[in-house]
Amino acid sequence: MIEYDVFALADVQQEKYRVLAETVDERLSTFRCERSPHLQDFARSSVQKYERHGHSRTYVLVTPRDDTIDVAGFFTVGMTALNLQKATSSARKRLMGDVSVVQTGAYSIAELARSDDYSSEQLPGRVILDEAKEVIRRARGYIAGRFVVVDAREEVFSHLYEPAGFRKIHLAEAPRGMAGVPFVTACAVVKDW
């Protein structure tokens, strides 16, 4: 497994980290993730916009490469609403207990990607997910929150999120550029981590 450090993009934008920020921005602008055109496009052209507007926070996994650094992966955490209307009544009961609402606030892992320049042995998806979970755990300590929601390709859900305790809620609409690819919305209860 590669060595890496995790940085919030918002933190490296400070003047004292200008050189690091420029290198990270350059690496994101050429980030390769051909298995997911949506994630590749997000890294290359949308990540800064979401940061500036406060819709989410992106964290980069930075690793040494030659005489510089590289972005081996990233994840984006934000807030969303978990709508349980499409879930079965037993799933709603299991998730909500004796609180009867069909919609509630939730953390969102909106994007999670590994660069094509690194193998799953060098940087397993579960490692990136664990870093995202740690950020959410810290946030939960300040503002509470019960759920984490992801929209993921069916195969990514089966290999990454389901083993990590996420449960399928319903089918999801595929993001732009990935029409026809099956996606699911899934959630996990934070206290179960």
N, C-alpha and C. Protein backbone atom coordinates (compact mmCIF):
# COMPACT_ATOMS: atom_id res chain seq x y z
N MET A 1 0.84 -1.18 0.00
CA MET A 1 0.00 0.00 0.00
C MET A 1 0.89 1.25 0.00
N ILE A 2 0.43 2.27 -0.69
CA ILE A 2 1.20 3.51 -0.77
C ILE A 2 1.07 4.32 0.52
N GLU A 3 2.05 5.17 0.75
CA GLU A 3 1.96 6.14 1.84
C GLU A 3 1.18 7.34 1.32
N TYR A 4 0.38 7.94 2.19
CA TYR A 4 -0.38 9.11 1.78
C TYR A 4 -0.69 9.97 2.99
N ASP A 5 -1.04 11.22 2.71
CA ASP A 5 -1.59 12.14 3.70
C ASP A 5 -2.91 12.64 3.16
N VAL A 6 -3.84 12.97 4.04
CA VAL A 6 -5.15 13.48 3.63
C VAL A 6 -5.20 14.97 3.95
N PHE A 7 -5.61 15.75 2.95
CA PHE A 7 -5.75 17.19 3.12
C PHE A 7 -7.13 17.62 2.63
N ALA A 8 -7.76 18.51 3.37
CA ALA A 8 -8.98 19.16 2.88
C ALA A 8 -8.55 20.23 1.90
N LEU A 9 -9.20 20.29 0.75
CA LEU A 9 -8.86 21.33 -0.23
C LEU A 9 -8.97 22.71 0.38
N ALA A 10 -9.97 22.92 1.23
CA ALA A 10 -10.15 24.22 1.87
C ALA A 10 -8.93 24.60 2.70
N ASP A 11 -8.29 23.63 3.33
CA ASP A 11 -7.12 23.92 4.16
C ASP A 11 -5.89 24.27 3.34
N VAL A 12 -5.69 23.58 2.20
CA VAL A 12 -4.48 23.85 1.41
C VAL A 12 -4.59 25.12 0.59
N GLN A 13 -5.76 25.75 0.57
CA GLN A 13 -5.91 26.99 -0.18
C GLN A 13 -5.34 28.20 0.56
N GLN A 14 -4.89 28.01 1.79
CA GLN A 14 -4.26 29.09 2.54
C GLN A 14 -2.95 29.49 1.86
N GLU A 15 -2.60 30.75 1.95
CA GLU A 15 -1.40 31.28 1.28
C GLU A 15 -0.14 30.50 1.66
N LYS A 16 -0.02 30.09 2.91
CA LYS A 16 1.20 29.39 3.32
C LYS A 16 1.37 28.04 2.63
N TYR A 17 0.29 27.51 2.03
CA TYR A 17 0.36 26.23 1.31
C TYR A 17 0.22 26.43 -0.20
N ARG A 18 0.51 27.61 -0.69
CA ARG A 18 0.29 27.96 -2.10
C ARG A 18 0.90 26.94 -3.06
N VAL A 19 2.14 26.54 -2.84
CA VAL A 19 2.81 25.60 -3.74
C VAL A 19 2.09 24.25 -3.72
N LEU A 20 1.73 23.77 -2.54
CA LEU A 20 0.98 22.52 -2.43
C LEU A 20 -0.36 22.63 -3.14
N ALA A 21 -1.06 23.74 -2.92
CA ALA A 21 -2.37 23.94 -3.55
C ALA A 21 -2.25 23.94 -5.07
N GLU A 22 -1.24 24.60 -5.60
CA GLU A 22 -1.06 24.64 -7.06
C GLU A 22 -0.79 23.24 -7.61
N THR A 23 0.02 22.47 -6.91
CA THR A 23 0.32 21.10 -7.36
C THR A 23 -0.92 20.22 -7.28
N VAL A 24 -1.67 20.33 -6.19
CA VAL A 24 -2.91 19.55 -6.04
C VAL A 24 -3.90 19.93 -7.14
N ASP A 25 -4.08 21.22 -7.39
CA ASP A 25 -4.99 21.67 -8.45
C ASP A 25 -4.56 21.12 -9.81
N GLU A 26 -3.26 21.14 -10.06
CA GLU A 26 -2.74 20.61 -11.33
C GLU A 26 -3.02 19.12 -11.46
N ARG A 27 -2.80 18.37 -10.37
CA ARG A 27 -3.04 16.91 -10.41
C ARG A 27 -4.53 16.60 -10.58
N LEU A 28 -5.38 17.38 -9.93
CA LEU A 28 -6.82 17.16 -10.11
C LEU A 28 -7.26 17.47 -11.53
N SER A 29 -6.65 18.46 -12.15
CA SER A 29 -7.04 18.84 -13.52
C SER A 29 -6.71 17.76 -14.55
N THR A 30 -5.85 16.81 -14.17
CA THR A 30 -5.51 15.71 -15.08
C THR A 30 -5.85 14.35 -14.46
N PHE A 31 -6.67 14.36 -13.42
CA PHE A 31 -7.03 13.13 -12.70
C PHE A 31 -7.67 12.13 -13.67
N ARG A 32 -7.17 10.89 -13.64
CA ARG A 32 -7.69 9.86 -14.54
C ARG A 32 -8.51 8.84 -13.76
N CYS A 33 -9.78 8.70 -14.16
CA CYS A 33 -10.67 7.70 -13.58
C CYS A 33 -11.62 7.29 -14.70
N GLU A 34 -11.09 6.55 -15.67
CA GLU A 34 -11.84 6.22 -16.88
C GLU A 34 -13.03 5.31 -16.63
N ARG A 35 -13.03 4.56 -15.53
CA ARG A 35 -14.18 3.69 -15.24
C ARG A 35 -15.39 4.51 -14.80
N SER A 36 -15.16 5.78 -14.44
CA SER A 36 -16.26 6.66 -14.06
C SER A 36 -16.06 8.05 -14.66
N PRO A 37 -16.60 8.28 -15.86
CA PRO A 37 -16.46 9.61 -16.47
C PRO A 37 -16.97 10.72 -15.56
N HIS A 38 -17.99 10.43 -14.75
CA HIS A 38 -18.53 11.43 -13.83
C HIS A 38 -17.47 11.85 -12.80
N LEU A 39 -16.79 10.90 -12.19
CA LEU A 39 -15.77 11.22 -11.19
C LEU A 39 -14.57 11.94 -11.81
N GLN A 40 -14.18 11.48 -12.99
CA GLN A 40 -13.07 12.12 -13.68
C GLN A 40 -13.42 13.58 -14.01
N ASP A 41 -14.61 13.81 -14.52
CA ASP A 41 -15.05 15.17 -14.84
C ASP A 41 -15.17 16.02 -13.58
N PHE A 42 -15.68 15.43 -12.51
CA PHE A 42 -15.80 16.17 -11.25
C PHE A 42 -14.43 16.66 -10.79
N ALA A 43 -13.44 15.77 -10.78
CA ALA A 43 -12.09 16.15 -10.34
C ALA A 43 -11.50 17.23 -11.23
N ARG A 44 -11.70 17.09 -12.51
CA ARG A 44 -11.06 17.99 -13.47
C ARG A 44 -11.72 19.36 -13.56
N SER A 45 -13.04 19.41 -13.38
CA SER A 45 -13.69 20.70 -13.67
C SER A 45 -14.71 21.19 -12.64
N SER A 46 -15.13 20.37 -11.70
CA SER A 46 -16.20 20.80 -10.79
C SER A 46 -15.79 20.94 -9.34
N VAL A 47 -14.74 20.28 -8.93
CA VAL A 47 -14.40 20.22 -7.51
C VAL A 47 -14.23 21.61 -6.89
N GLN A 48 -13.55 22.51 -7.59
CA GLN A 48 -13.32 23.85 -7.04
C GLN A 48 -14.62 24.65 -6.90
N LYS A 49 -15.51 24.48 -7.87
CA LYS A 49 -16.80 25.18 -7.82
C LYS A 49 -17.60 24.75 -6.58
N TYR A 50 -17.66 23.47 -6.30
CA TYR A 50 -18.39 22.98 -5.13
C TYR A 50 -17.73 23.45 -3.84
N GLU A 51 -16.41 23.51 -3.83
CA GLU A 51 -15.68 24.02 -2.66
C GLU A 51 -16.01 25.49 -2.42
N ARG A 52 -15.88 26.29 -3.47
CA ARG A 52 -16.11 27.74 -3.34
C ARG A 52 -17.50 28.05 -2.83
N HIS A 53 -18.48 27.31 -3.28
CA HIS A 53 -19.87 27.59 -2.92
C HIS A 53 -20.30 26.89 -1.63
N GLY A 54 -19.44 26.10 -1.05
CA GLY A 54 -19.74 25.45 0.23
C GLY A 54 -20.72 24.30 0.14
N HIS A 55 -20.90 23.73 -1.04
CA HIS A 55 -21.83 22.60 -1.18
C HIS A 55 -21.25 21.31 -0.62
N SER A 56 -19.94 21.23 -0.61
CA SER A 56 -19.27 20.03 -0.10
C SER A 56 -17.83 20.38 0.22
N ARG A 57 -17.18 19.45 0.88
CA ARG A 57 -15.75 19.56 1.16
C ARG A 57 -15.08 18.37 0.51
N THR A 58 -14.02 18.64 -0.22
CA THR A 58 -13.27 17.58 -0.87
C THR A 58 -11.95 17.39 -0.15
N TYR A 59 -11.60 16.15 0.04
CA TYR A 59 -10.36 15.76 0.70
C TYR A 59 -9.54 14.96 -0.31
N VAL A 60 -8.26 15.27 -0.41
CA VAL A 60 -7.39 14.58 -1.35
C VAL A 60 -6.41 13.70 -0.60
N LEU A 61 -6.14 12.54 -1.15
CA LEU A 61 -5.12 11.65 -0.63
C LEU A 61 -3.88 11.90 -1.47
N VAL A 62 -2.90 12.54 -0.84
CA VAL A 62 -1.69 12.98 -1.52
C VAL A 62 -0.56 12.01 -1.21
N THR A 63 0.17 11.61 -2.24
CA THR A 63 1.25 10.66 -2.08
C THR A 63 2.51 11.18 -2.78
N PRO A 64 3.69 10.85 -2.24
CA PRO A 64 4.91 11.26 -2.94
C PRO A 64 5.05 10.54 -4.27
N ARG A 65 5.54 11.25 -5.27
CA ARG A 65 5.77 10.64 -6.58
C ARG A 65 6.94 11.36 -7.23
N ASP A 66 7.99 10.63 -7.49
CA ASP A 66 9.24 11.21 -8.02
C ASP A 66 9.68 12.33 -7.08
N ASP A 67 9.87 13.52 -7.59
CA ASP A 67 10.31 14.64 -6.75
C ASP A 67 9.16 15.57 -6.38
N THR A 68 7.95 15.09 -6.51
CA THR A 68 6.78 15.95 -6.25
C THR A 68 5.72 15.13 -5.52
N ILE A 69 4.48 15.54 -5.66
CA ILE A 69 3.37 14.79 -5.06
C ILE A 69 2.34 14.47 -6.13
N ASP A 70 1.48 13.54 -5.82
CA ASP A 70 0.40 13.16 -6.73
C ASP A 70 -0.88 13.01 -5.90
N VAL A 71 -2.02 13.17 -6.55
CA VAL A 71 -3.31 12.91 -5.92
C VAL A 71 -3.72 11.49 -6.31
N ALA A 72 -3.61 10.59 -5.35
CA ALA A 72 -3.92 9.19 -5.62
C ALA A 72 -5.41 8.92 -5.55
N GLY A 73 -6.14 9.75 -4.82
CA GLY A 73 -7.58 9.58 -4.69
C GLY A 73 -8.17 10.78 -4.00
N PHE A 74 -9.49 10.80 -3.94
CA PHE A 74 -10.18 11.88 -3.25
C PHE A 74 -11.56 11.42 -2.83
N PHE A 75 -12.15 12.16 -1.91
CA PHE A 75 -13.55 11.95 -1.56
C PHE A 75 -14.15 13.29 -1.21
N THR A 76 -15.46 13.37 -1.36
CA THR A 76 -16.19 14.60 -1.10
C THR A 76 -17.30 14.29 -0.11
N VAL A 77 -17.38 15.11 0.93
CA VAL A 77 -18.39 14.93 1.97
C VAL A 77 -19.26 16.18 2.02
N GLY A 78 -20.55 15.99 2.18
CA GLY A 78 -21.48 17.11 2.29
C GLY A 78 -22.71 16.69 3.07
N MET A 79 -23.74 17.47 2.90
CA MET A 79 -25.02 17.19 3.56
C MET A 79 -26.07 16.91 2.49
N THR A 80 -27.04 16.11 2.85
CA THR A 80 -28.14 15.80 1.93
C THR A 80 -29.37 15.46 2.77
N ALA A 81 -30.44 15.17 2.08
CA ALA A 81 -31.66 14.68 2.74
C ALA A 81 -31.82 13.22 2.37
N LEU A 82 -32.10 12.41 3.35
CA LEU A 82 -32.38 11.00 3.12
C LEU A 82 -33.89 10.85 3.06
N ASN A 83 -34.37 10.53 1.88
CA ASN A 83 -35.80 10.36 1.67
C ASN A 83 -36.10 8.87 1.71
N LEU A 84 -36.90 8.46 2.68
CA LEU A 84 -37.20 7.05 2.87
C LEU A 84 -38.56 6.65 2.29
N GLN A 85 -39.17 7.54 1.49
CA GLN A 85 -40.48 7.22 0.91
C GLN A 85 -40.43 5.99 0.02
N LYS A 86 -39.31 5.80 -0.71
CA LYS A 86 -39.20 4.65 -1.62
C LYS A 86 -38.76 3.39 -0.90
N ALA A 87 -38.36 3.51 0.36
CA ALA A 87 -37.92 2.35 1.13
C ALA A 87 -39.14 1.58 1.63
N THR A 88 -38.95 0.30 1.86
CA THR A 88 -40.04 -0.50 2.40
C THR A 88 -40.34 -0.05 3.83
N SER A 89 -41.53 -0.35 4.32
CA SER A 89 -41.89 0.06 5.67
C SER A 89 -40.99 -0.62 6.70
N SER A 90 -40.58 -1.86 6.43
CA SER A 90 -39.69 -2.54 7.38
C SER A 90 -38.30 -1.89 7.37
N ALA A 91 -37.84 -1.45 6.21
CA ALA A 91 -36.54 -0.76 6.14
C ALA A 91 -36.62 0.57 6.89
N ARG A 92 -37.73 1.30 6.70
CA ARG A 92 -37.91 2.57 7.42
C ARG A 92 -37.90 2.34 8.93
N LYS A 93 -38.60 1.33 9.36
CA LYS A 93 -38.68 1.03 10.80
C LYS A 93 -37.30 0.65 11.34
N ARG A 94 -36.56 -0.17 10.58
CA ARG A 94 -35.24 -0.60 11.01
C ARG A 94 -34.28 0.59 11.11
N LEU A 95 -34.39 1.54 10.17
CA LEU A 95 -33.50 2.70 10.16
C LEU A 95 -33.90 3.78 11.14
N MET A 96 -35.19 4.04 11.25
CA MET A 96 -35.66 5.17 12.04
C MET A 96 -36.09 4.80 13.46
N GLY A 97 -36.30 3.51 13.72
CA GLY A 97 -36.74 3.12 15.05
C GLY A 97 -38.12 3.69 15.32
N ASP A 98 -38.29 4.29 16.49
CA ASP A 98 -39.62 4.81 16.85
C ASP A 98 -39.79 6.29 16.46
N VAL A 99 -38.90 6.82 15.64
CA VAL A 99 -39.04 8.18 15.12
C VAL A 99 -39.70 8.05 13.75
N SER A 100 -40.91 8.55 13.62
CA SER A 100 -41.66 8.34 12.38
C SER A 100 -41.56 9.55 11.44
N VAL A 101 -40.51 9.58 10.66
CA VAL A 101 -40.36 10.57 9.60
C VAL A 101 -39.96 9.82 8.33
N VAL A 102 -40.28 10.39 7.19
CA VAL A 102 -39.89 9.75 5.93
C VAL A 102 -38.72 10.49 5.28
N GLN A 103 -38.34 11.63 5.85
CA GLN A 103 -37.20 12.36 5.34
C GLN A 103 -36.41 12.94 6.51
N THR A 104 -35.09 12.81 6.44
CA THR A 104 -34.24 13.31 7.51
C THR A 104 -32.92 13.79 6.91
N GLY A 105 -32.21 14.61 7.64
CA GLY A 105 -30.90 15.06 7.19
C GLY A 105 -29.88 13.94 7.29
N ALA A 106 -28.86 14.02 6.45
CA ALA A 106 -27.83 12.98 6.45
C ALA A 106 -26.53 13.55 5.89
N TYR A 107 -25.44 12.95 6.29
CA TYR A 107 -24.16 13.22 5.64
C TYR A 107 -24.18 12.52 4.29
N SER A 108 -23.39 13.03 3.38
CA SER A 108 -23.31 12.43 2.06
C SER A 108 -21.85 12.25 1.67
N ILE A 109 -21.52 11.07 1.23
CA ILE A 109 -20.24 10.87 0.55
C ILE A 109 -20.61 10.97 -0.93
N ALA A 110 -20.42 12.15 -1.46
CA ALA A 110 -20.92 12.45 -2.80
C ALA A 110 -20.00 11.91 -3.89
N GLU A 111 -18.71 11.93 -3.65
CA GLU A 111 -17.75 11.44 -4.63
C GLU A 111 -16.68 10.67 -3.87
N LEU A 112 -16.17 9.60 -4.47
CA LEU A 112 -15.08 8.84 -3.89
C LEU A 112 -14.37 8.16 -5.05
N ALA A 113 -13.08 8.47 -5.23
CA ALA A 113 -12.39 7.96 -6.42
C ALA A 113 -10.92 7.67 -6.14
N ARG A 114 -10.42 6.69 -6.87
CA ARG A 114 -8.99 6.38 -6.90
C ARG A 114 -8.51 6.64 -8.33
N SER A 115 -7.36 7.24 -8.45
CA SER A 115 -6.77 7.51 -9.75
C SER A 115 -6.44 6.20 -10.46
N ASP A 116 -6.60 6.18 -11.77
CA ASP A 116 -6.23 5.01 -12.56
C ASP A 116 -4.74 4.72 -12.50
N ASP A 117 -3.96 5.67 -12.01
CA ASP A 117 -2.51 5.48 -11.89
C ASP A 117 -2.14 4.59 -10.71
N TYR A 118 -3.13 4.20 -9.90
CA TYR A 118 -2.89 3.37 -8.72
C TYR A 118 -3.82 2.18 -8.73
N SER A 119 -3.31 1.04 -8.33
CA SER A 119 -4.12 -0.18 -8.29
C SER A 119 -4.88 -0.26 -6.98
N SER A 120 -5.83 -1.19 -6.92
CA SER A 120 -6.57 -1.39 -5.68
C SER A 120 -5.68 -1.99 -4.60
N GLU A 121 -4.57 -2.61 -4.97
CA GLU A 121 -3.63 -3.09 -3.97
C GLU A 121 -2.83 -1.92 -3.39
N GLN A 122 -2.51 -0.94 -4.23
CA GLN A 122 -1.76 0.22 -3.77
C GLN A 122 -2.63 1.14 -2.91
N LEU A 123 -3.88 1.28 -3.28
CA LEU A 123 -4.81 2.14 -2.54
C LEU A 123 -6.20 1.52 -2.61
N PRO A 124 -6.52 0.64 -1.69
CA PRO A 124 -7.85 0.00 -1.70
C PRO A 124 -8.97 1.02 -1.50
N GLY A 125 -10.10 0.79 -2.13
CA GLY A 125 -11.25 1.66 -1.97
C GLY A 125 -11.69 1.77 -0.52
N ARG A 126 -11.57 0.70 0.23
CA ARG A 126 -11.98 0.72 1.64
C ARG A 126 -11.14 1.71 2.44
N VAL A 127 -9.88 1.93 2.03
CA VAL A 127 -9.02 2.89 2.73
C VAL A 127 -9.54 4.31 2.50
N ILE A 128 -9.92 4.61 1.26
CA ILE A 128 -10.48 5.93 0.96
C ILE A 128 -11.80 6.10 1.72
N LEU A 129 -12.63 5.06 1.71
CA LEU A 129 -13.90 5.10 2.45
C LEU A 129 -13.65 5.29 3.95
N ASP A 130 -12.67 4.61 4.50
CA ASP A 130 -12.37 4.77 5.92
C ASP A 130 -11.97 6.21 6.25
N GLU A 131 -11.24 6.86 5.35
CA GLU A 131 -10.87 8.26 5.56
C GLU A 131 -12.12 9.15 5.55
N ALA A 132 -13.04 8.88 4.63
CA ALA A 132 -14.30 9.64 4.58
C ALA A 132 -15.10 9.42 5.86
N LYS A 133 -15.15 8.18 6.31
CA LYS A 133 -15.88 7.88 7.54
C LYS A 133 -15.28 8.61 8.74
N GLU A 134 -13.97 8.74 8.76
CA GLU A 134 -13.32 9.45 9.87
C GLU A 134 -13.71 10.92 9.88
N VAL A 135 -13.77 11.55 8.72
CA VAL A 135 -14.20 12.95 8.64
C VAL A 135 -15.62 13.09 9.16
N ILE A 136 -16.49 12.17 8.78
CA ILE A 136 -17.88 12.21 9.23
C ILE A 136 -17.98 11.95 10.73
N ARG A 137 -17.18 11.03 11.24
CA ARG A 137 -17.16 10.78 12.69
C ARG A 137 -16.81 12.05 13.46
N ARG A 138 -15.80 12.79 12.97
CA ARG A 138 -15.41 14.03 13.63
C ARG A 138 -16.53 15.06 13.55
N ALA A 139 -17.17 15.19 12.40
CA ALA A 139 -18.27 16.15 12.25
C ALA A 139 -19.43 15.77 13.17
N ARG A 140 -19.70 14.49 13.27
CA ARG A 140 -20.81 14.02 14.11
C ARG A 140 -20.58 14.38 15.58
N GLY A 141 -19.33 14.44 15.98
CA GLY A 141 -19.01 14.84 17.34
C GLY A 141 -19.40 16.28 17.64
N TYR A 142 -19.48 17.10 16.61
CA TYR A 142 -19.85 18.51 16.77
C TYR A 142 -21.34 18.77 16.56
N ILE A 143 -21.94 18.09 15.59
CA ILE A 143 -23.31 18.45 15.21
C ILE A 143 -24.27 17.27 15.15
N ALA A 144 -23.89 16.13 15.63
CA ALA A 144 -24.74 14.94 15.61
C ALA A 144 -24.96 14.46 14.18
N GLY A 145 -25.99 13.69 13.95
CA GLY A 145 -26.27 13.11 12.64
C GLY A 145 -26.25 11.60 12.75
N ARG A 146 -27.23 10.97 12.14
CA ARG A 146 -27.39 9.53 12.27
C ARG A 146 -26.95 8.76 11.02
N PHE A 147 -27.18 9.34 9.83
CA PHE A 147 -27.01 8.59 8.58
C PHE A 147 -25.93 9.15 7.67
N VAL A 148 -25.38 8.26 6.85
CA VAL A 148 -24.51 8.63 5.74
C VAL A 148 -25.12 8.01 4.50
N VAL A 149 -25.24 8.81 3.46
CA VAL A 149 -25.87 8.38 2.22
C VAL A 149 -24.84 8.37 1.09
N VAL A 150 -24.93 7.38 0.22
CA VAL A 150 -24.13 7.33 -1.00
C VAL A 150 -25.03 6.95 -2.15
N ASP A 151 -24.72 7.48 -3.32
CA ASP A 151 -25.27 6.99 -4.58
C ASP A 151 -24.08 6.34 -5.27
N ALA A 152 -24.21 5.07 -5.61
CA ALA A 152 -23.08 4.34 -6.17
C ALA A 152 -23.53 3.41 -7.28
N ARG A 153 -22.60 3.13 -8.19
CA ARG A 153 -22.88 2.09 -9.17
C ARG A 153 -23.16 0.80 -8.42
N GLU A 154 -24.05 0.00 -8.95
CA GLU A 154 -24.44 -1.26 -8.30
C GLU A 154 -23.21 -2.10 -7.95
N GLU A 155 -22.26 -2.23 -8.85
CA GLU A 155 -21.08 -3.07 -8.58
C GLU A 155 -20.19 -2.47 -7.49
N VAL A 156 -20.09 -1.14 -7.43
CA VAL A 156 -19.29 -0.49 -6.39
C VAL A 156 -19.99 -0.67 -5.04
N PHE A 157 -21.31 -0.55 -5.04
CA PHE A 157 -22.07 -0.79 -3.81
C PHE A 157 -21.76 -2.20 -3.29
N SER A 158 -21.84 -3.20 -4.15
CA SER A 158 -21.64 -4.60 -3.73
C SER A 158 -20.24 -4.86 -3.22
N HIS A 159 -19.22 -4.25 -3.85
CA HIS A 159 -17.83 -4.54 -3.48
C HIS A 159 -17.29 -3.64 -2.37
N LEU A 160 -17.80 -2.41 -2.25
CA LEU A 160 -17.22 -1.46 -1.31
C LEU A 160 -18.17 -1.08 -0.18
N TYR A 161 -19.34 -0.59 -0.54
CA TYR A 161 -20.23 -0.02 0.48
C TYR A 161 -20.99 -1.07 1.28
N GLU A 162 -21.50 -2.09 0.64
CA GLU A 162 -22.26 -3.10 1.38
C GLU A 162 -21.40 -3.79 2.45
N PRO A 163 -20.15 -4.20 2.13
CA PRO A 163 -19.32 -4.78 3.18
C PRO A 163 -18.99 -3.81 4.32
N ALA A 164 -19.12 -2.49 4.05
CA ALA A 164 -18.85 -1.48 5.07
C ALA A 164 -20.09 -1.13 5.89
N GLY A 165 -21.19 -1.86 5.69
CA GLY A 165 -22.38 -1.65 6.50
C GLY A 165 -23.46 -0.80 5.86
N PHE A 166 -23.29 -0.39 4.61
CA PHE A 166 -24.34 0.36 3.93
C PHE A 166 -25.43 -0.59 3.45
N ARG A 167 -26.66 -0.11 3.48
CA ARG A 167 -27.81 -0.90 3.04
C ARG A 167 -28.53 -0.16 1.93
N LYS A 168 -28.91 -0.91 0.92
CA LYS A 168 -29.59 -0.34 -0.24
C LYS A 168 -30.96 0.20 0.18
N ILE A 169 -31.24 1.43 -0.25
CA ILE A 169 -32.54 2.05 0.03
C ILE A 169 -33.44 1.95 -1.21
N HIS A 170 -32.89 2.35 -2.36
CA HIS A 170 -33.65 2.29 -3.61
C HIS A 170 -32.71 2.50 -4.79
N LEU A 171 -33.23 2.31 -5.99
CA LEU A 171 -32.45 2.60 -7.20
C LEU A 171 -32.28 4.10 -7.32
N ALA A 172 -31.18 4.52 -7.90
CA ALA A 172 -30.89 5.95 -8.04
C ALA A 172 -30.70 6.29 -9.51
N GLU A 173 -30.87 7.55 -9.80
CA GLU A 173 -30.63 8.04 -11.15
C GLU A 173 -29.12 8.14 -11.38
N ALA A 174 -28.67 7.66 -12.52
CA ALA A 174 -27.24 7.73 -12.85
C ALA A 174 -26.83 9.18 -13.06
N PRO A 175 -25.61 9.54 -12.67
CA PRO A 175 -25.15 10.91 -12.90
C PRO A 175 -24.93 11.19 -14.37
N ARG A 176 -24.80 12.46 -14.68
CA ARG A 176 -24.56 12.90 -16.06
C ARG A 176 -23.35 12.15 -16.63
N GLY A 177 -23.49 11.68 -17.85
CA GLY A 177 -22.41 10.98 -18.51
C GLY A 177 -22.38 9.48 -18.25
N MET A 178 -23.31 8.98 -17.43
CA MET A 178 -23.30 7.55 -17.12
C MET A 178 -24.69 6.93 -17.28
N ALA A 179 -25.46 7.48 -18.20
CA ALA A 179 -26.80 6.96 -18.45
C ALA A 179 -26.74 5.47 -18.78
N GLY A 180 -27.71 4.74 -18.25
CA GLY A 180 -27.78 3.32 -18.51
C GLY A 180 -26.98 2.47 -17.53
N VAL A 181 -26.18 3.09 -16.69
CA VAL A 181 -25.40 2.36 -15.69
C VAL A 181 -26.26 2.28 -14.42
N PRO A 182 -26.47 1.06 -13.89
CA PRO A 182 -27.31 0.94 -12.69
C PRO A 182 -26.66 1.56 -11.45
N PHE A 183 -27.40 2.45 -10.79
CA PHE A 183 -26.96 3.10 -9.57
C PHE A 183 -27.97 2.83 -8.46
N VAL A 184 -27.49 2.82 -7.23
CA VAL A 184 -28.36 2.66 -6.07
C VAL A 184 -28.07 3.76 -5.06
N THR A 185 -29.08 4.08 -4.27
CA THR A 185 -28.89 4.94 -3.11
C THR A 185 -28.83 4.01 -1.91
N ALA A 186 -27.82 4.21 -1.09
CA ALA A 186 -27.63 3.36 0.09
C ALA A 186 -27.30 4.25 1.28
N CYS A 187 -27.55 3.72 2.47
CA CYS A 187 -27.20 4.48 3.67
C CYS A 187 -26.62 3.56 4.73
N ALA A 188 -25.92 4.20 5.65
CA ALA A 188 -25.37 3.51 6.82
C ALA A 188 -25.68 4.35 8.04
N VAL A 189 -25.77 3.69 9.17
CA VAL A 189 -25.98 4.39 10.42
C VAL A 189 -24.60 4.64 11.02
N VAL A 190 -24.28 5.91 11.25
CA VAL A 190 -22.93 6.30 11.68
C VAL A 190 -22.52 5.61 12.97
N LYS A 191 -23.41 5.48 13.92
CA LYS A 191 -23.02 4.88 15.20
C LYS A 191 -22.63 3.41 15.06
N ASP A 192 -22.97 2.78 13.95
CA ASP A 192 -22.62 1.37 13.73
C ASP A 192 -21.18 1.18 13.26
N TRP A 193 -20.46 2.28 13.02
CA TRP A 193 -19.08 2.14 12.53
C TRP A 193 -18.14 1.88 13.65
